[in-house]
Amino acid sequence: RVVGMAGRATSVRNAALRALCLSNFIGTEDDVSTESLLDLCEEVAQERYRNHDVPMALRATALECWSLLSTTINDFYISGSSEDHIGRGLVMLSPLLQDCLEENNDTSPELRSAAGECLAIIHEARVNLGETDGDNGTERRYGQGGWENTSWE
């Protein structure tokens, strides 16, 4: 009855998705179940899921859960690239980021923030793998997680 009410359905789904992902994060080391939850989060983060529009708050929650779960699997699986593989994070975020960056877009700040968190995790995984471009000034000037050689030290 509560889930059927339009105003509460999104908050109930948000809580359910967070609980499911957090229980996986804490209670399992099984990559198969983690990958299936990553798949679910990627599907829910899109504009439509199961032929229904997905509320922005639920999409943001799905991206936040994806960010949390992506820290438990191999960096190459998230952001690596080779001739026959591209990281699932890059594939998922490309259309979403394009949508967030378009002018006159009504994307919520929560969704933009969650997409930014995903992007930071993907970038960190690429740095860990050594796959950043040779001209990456950030990597050349600063060590990962440090303020060395900056005006802020």
Protein backbone atom coordinates (compact mmCIF):
# COMPACT_ATOMS: atom_id res chain seq x y z
CA ARG A 1 0.00 0.00 0.00
CA VAL A 2 2.79 2.45 0.85
CA VAL A 3 4.78 1.66 -2.32
CA GLY A 4 1.70 2.29 -4.43
CA MET A 5 1.42 5.87 -3.23
CA ALA A 6 3.13 8.11 -5.77
CA GLY A 7 4.98 10.29 -3.28
CA ARG A 8 6.46 7.46 -1.26
CA ALA A 9 7.26 4.95 -3.99
CA THR A 10 10.57 6.60 -4.88
CA SER A 11 11.78 6.85 -1.30
CA VAL A 12 10.88 3.21 -0.64
CA ARG A 13 12.71 2.11 -3.79
CA ASN A 14 15.70 4.26 -2.84
CA ALA A 15 15.85 2.66 0.59
CA ALA A 16 15.45 -0.85 -0.84
CA LEU A 17 18.23 -0.36 -3.40
CA ARG A 18 20.56 1.13 -0.79
CA ALA A 19 19.85 -1.72 1.65
CA LEU A 20 20.42 -4.37 -1.03
CA CYS A 21 23.71 -2.85 -2.18
CA LEU A 22 24.97 -2.13 1.32
CA SER A 23 24.23 -5.69 2.46
CA ASN A 24 26.20 -6.96 -0.54
CA PHE A 25 29.05 -4.55 0.20
CA ILE A 26 29.28 -5.65 3.83
CA GLY A 27 28.26 -9.29 3.66
CA THR A 28 29.70 -10.90 0.56
CA GLU A 29 32.91 -11.27 -1.37
CA ASP A 30 31.17 -12.92 -4.31
CA ASP A 31 31.99 -11.07 -7.53
CA VAL A 32 29.03 -12.61 -9.37
CA SER A 33 26.43 -11.13 -7.05
CA THR A 34 28.28 -7.80 -7.01
CA GLU A 35 28.33 -7.72 -10.80
CA SER A 36 24.62 -8.50 -10.98
CA LEU A 37 23.91 -5.62 -8.60
CA LEU A 38 26.13 -3.35 -10.70
CA ASP A 39 24.03 -4.39 -13.71
CA LEU A 40 20.85 -3.52 -11.81
CA CYS A 41 22.24 -0.13 -10.77
CA GLU A 42 23.27 0.62 -14.34
CA GLU A 43 19.80 -0.23 -15.62
CA VAL A 44 18.01 1.83 -12.95
CA ALA A 45 20.32 4.79 -13.58
CA GLN A 46 18.99 5.16 -17.12
CA GLU A 47 16.03 7.38 -17.98
CA ARG A 48 13.72 4.38 -18.44
CA TYR A 49 13.66 1.07 -16.61
CA ARG A 50 11.15 -1.67 -17.47
CA ASN A 51 9.27 0.72 -19.76
CA HIS A 52 8.72 3.31 -17.00
CA ASP A 53 10.36 6.67 -16.44
CA VAL A 54 12.81 6.56 -13.54
CA PRO A 55 12.64 9.45 -11.05
CA MET A 56 15.83 11.51 -10.78
CA ALA A 57 16.23 10.66 -7.09
CA LEU A 58 16.17 6.92 -7.84
CA ARG A 59 18.66 7.36 -10.68
CA ALA A 60 20.98 9.25 -8.33
CA THR A 61 20.65 6.52 -5.71
CA ALA A 62 21.48 3.87 -8.31
CA LEU A 63 24.66 5.75 -9.25
CA GLU A 64 25.65 6.16 -5.61
CA CYS A 65 25.16 2.43 -5.05
CA TRP A 66 27.13 1.70 -8.23
CA SER A 67 29.98 3.84 -6.88
CA LEU A 68 30.04 1.96 -3.61
CA LEU A 69 29.97 -1.49 -5.22
CA SER A 70 32.53 -0.59 -7.88
CA THR A 71 35.15 -0.15 -5.16
CA THR A 72 34.96 -3.88 -4.44
CA ILE A 73 35.85 -5.19 -7.89
CA ASN A 74 38.93 -5.07 -10.09
CA ASP A 75 39.90 -1.64 -11.46
CA PHE A 76 40.25 -3.03 -14.99
CA TYR A 77 36.64 -4.18 -14.93
CA ILE A 78 35.50 -0.65 -14.05
CA SER A 79 37.74 1.49 -16.22
CA GLY A 80 40.23 -0.60 -18.13
CA SER A 81 40.36 -0.71 -21.87
CA SER A 82 41.90 -3.02 -24.41
CA GLU A 83 41.14 -4.01 -27.99
CA ASP A 84 38.19 -6.18 -26.96
CA HIS A 85 37.11 -4.62 -23.66
CA ILE A 86 36.11 -1.23 -22.35
CA GLY A 87 35.37 -0.68 -18.68
CA ARG A 88 31.74 -0.91 -17.72
CA GLY A 89 31.90 2.45 -15.96
CA LEU A 90 32.89 4.23 -19.13
CA VAL A 91 30.14 2.53 -21.12
CA MET A 92 27.48 3.36 -18.53
CA LEU A 93 28.48 6.95 -17.85
CA SER A 94 29.05 8.21 -21.39
CA PRO A 95 25.38 8.76 -22.31
CA LEU A 96 24.48 9.85 -18.79
CA LEU A 97 27.22 12.47 -18.63
CA GLN A 98 26.28 13.76 -22.06
CA ASP A 99 22.71 14.15 -20.81
CA CYS A 100 23.88 15.97 -17.67
CA LEU A 101 26.08 18.39 -19.60
CA GLU A 102 23.56 19.42 -22.25
CA GLU A 103 22.31 22.98 -22.04
CA ASN A 104 18.73 23.60 -20.86
CA ASN A 105 18.73 20.28 -19.09
CA ASP A 106 16.52 19.68 -16.08
CA THR A 107 18.87 17.13 -14.53
CA SER A 108 18.78 17.24 -10.76
CA PRO A 109 21.84 18.31 -8.76
CA GLU A 110 21.75 14.95 -6.94
CA LEU A 111 22.04 13.08 -10.23
CA ARG A 112 24.90 15.30 -11.40
CA SER A 113 26.69 14.83 -8.09
CA ALA A 114 26.29 11.04 -8.20
CA ALA A 115 27.57 10.97 -11.80
CA GLY A 116 30.57 13.04 -10.71
CA GLU A 117 31.33 10.55 -7.93
CA CYS A 118 31.24 7.72 -10.46
CA LEU A 119 33.56 9.67 -12.72
CA ALA A 120 36.02 10.21 -9.86
CA ILE A 121 36.06 6.48 -9.08
CA ILE A 122 36.62 5.64 -12.74
CA HIS A 123 39.44 8.18 -12.97
CA GLU A 124 41.09 6.79 -9.82
CA ALA A 125 40.87 3.27 -11.25
CA ARG A 126 42.48 4.47 -14.50
CA VAL A 127 45.30 6.12 -12.54
CA ASN A 128 45.78 2.90 -10.55
CA LEU A 129 46.01 0.96 -13.82
CA GLY A 130 48.40 3.51 -15.34
CA GLU A 131 46.01 4.11 -18.25
CA THR A 132 45.90 7.87 -18.17
CA ASP A 133 47.12 9.84 -21.14
CA GLY A 134 50.77 10.83 -21.26
CA ASP A 135 49.75 14.49 -21.28
CA ASN A 136 47.71 14.23 -18.09
CA GLY A 137 48.89 17.26 -16.15
CA THR A 138 47.12 16.26 -12.96
CA GLU A 139 48.98 12.98 -12.73
CA ARG A 140 52.31 14.59 -13.58
CA ARG A 141 52.04 17.48 -11.10
CA TYR A 142 50.46 15.79 -8.12
CA GLY A 143 50.77 12.40 -6.52
CA GLN A 144 47.57 10.46 -5.95
CA GLY A 145 45.93 11.74 -2.79
CA GLY A 146 48.61 14.33 -2.07
CA TRP A 147 49.11 18.07 -2.13
CA GLU A 148 52.85 17.96 -2.80
CA ASN A 149 54.23 20.67 -5.07
CA THR A 150 51.10 22.78 -4.85
CA SER A 151 50.49 26.25 -3.54
CA TRP A 152 48.26 24.66 -0.86
CA GLU A 153 50.96 22.74 1.04
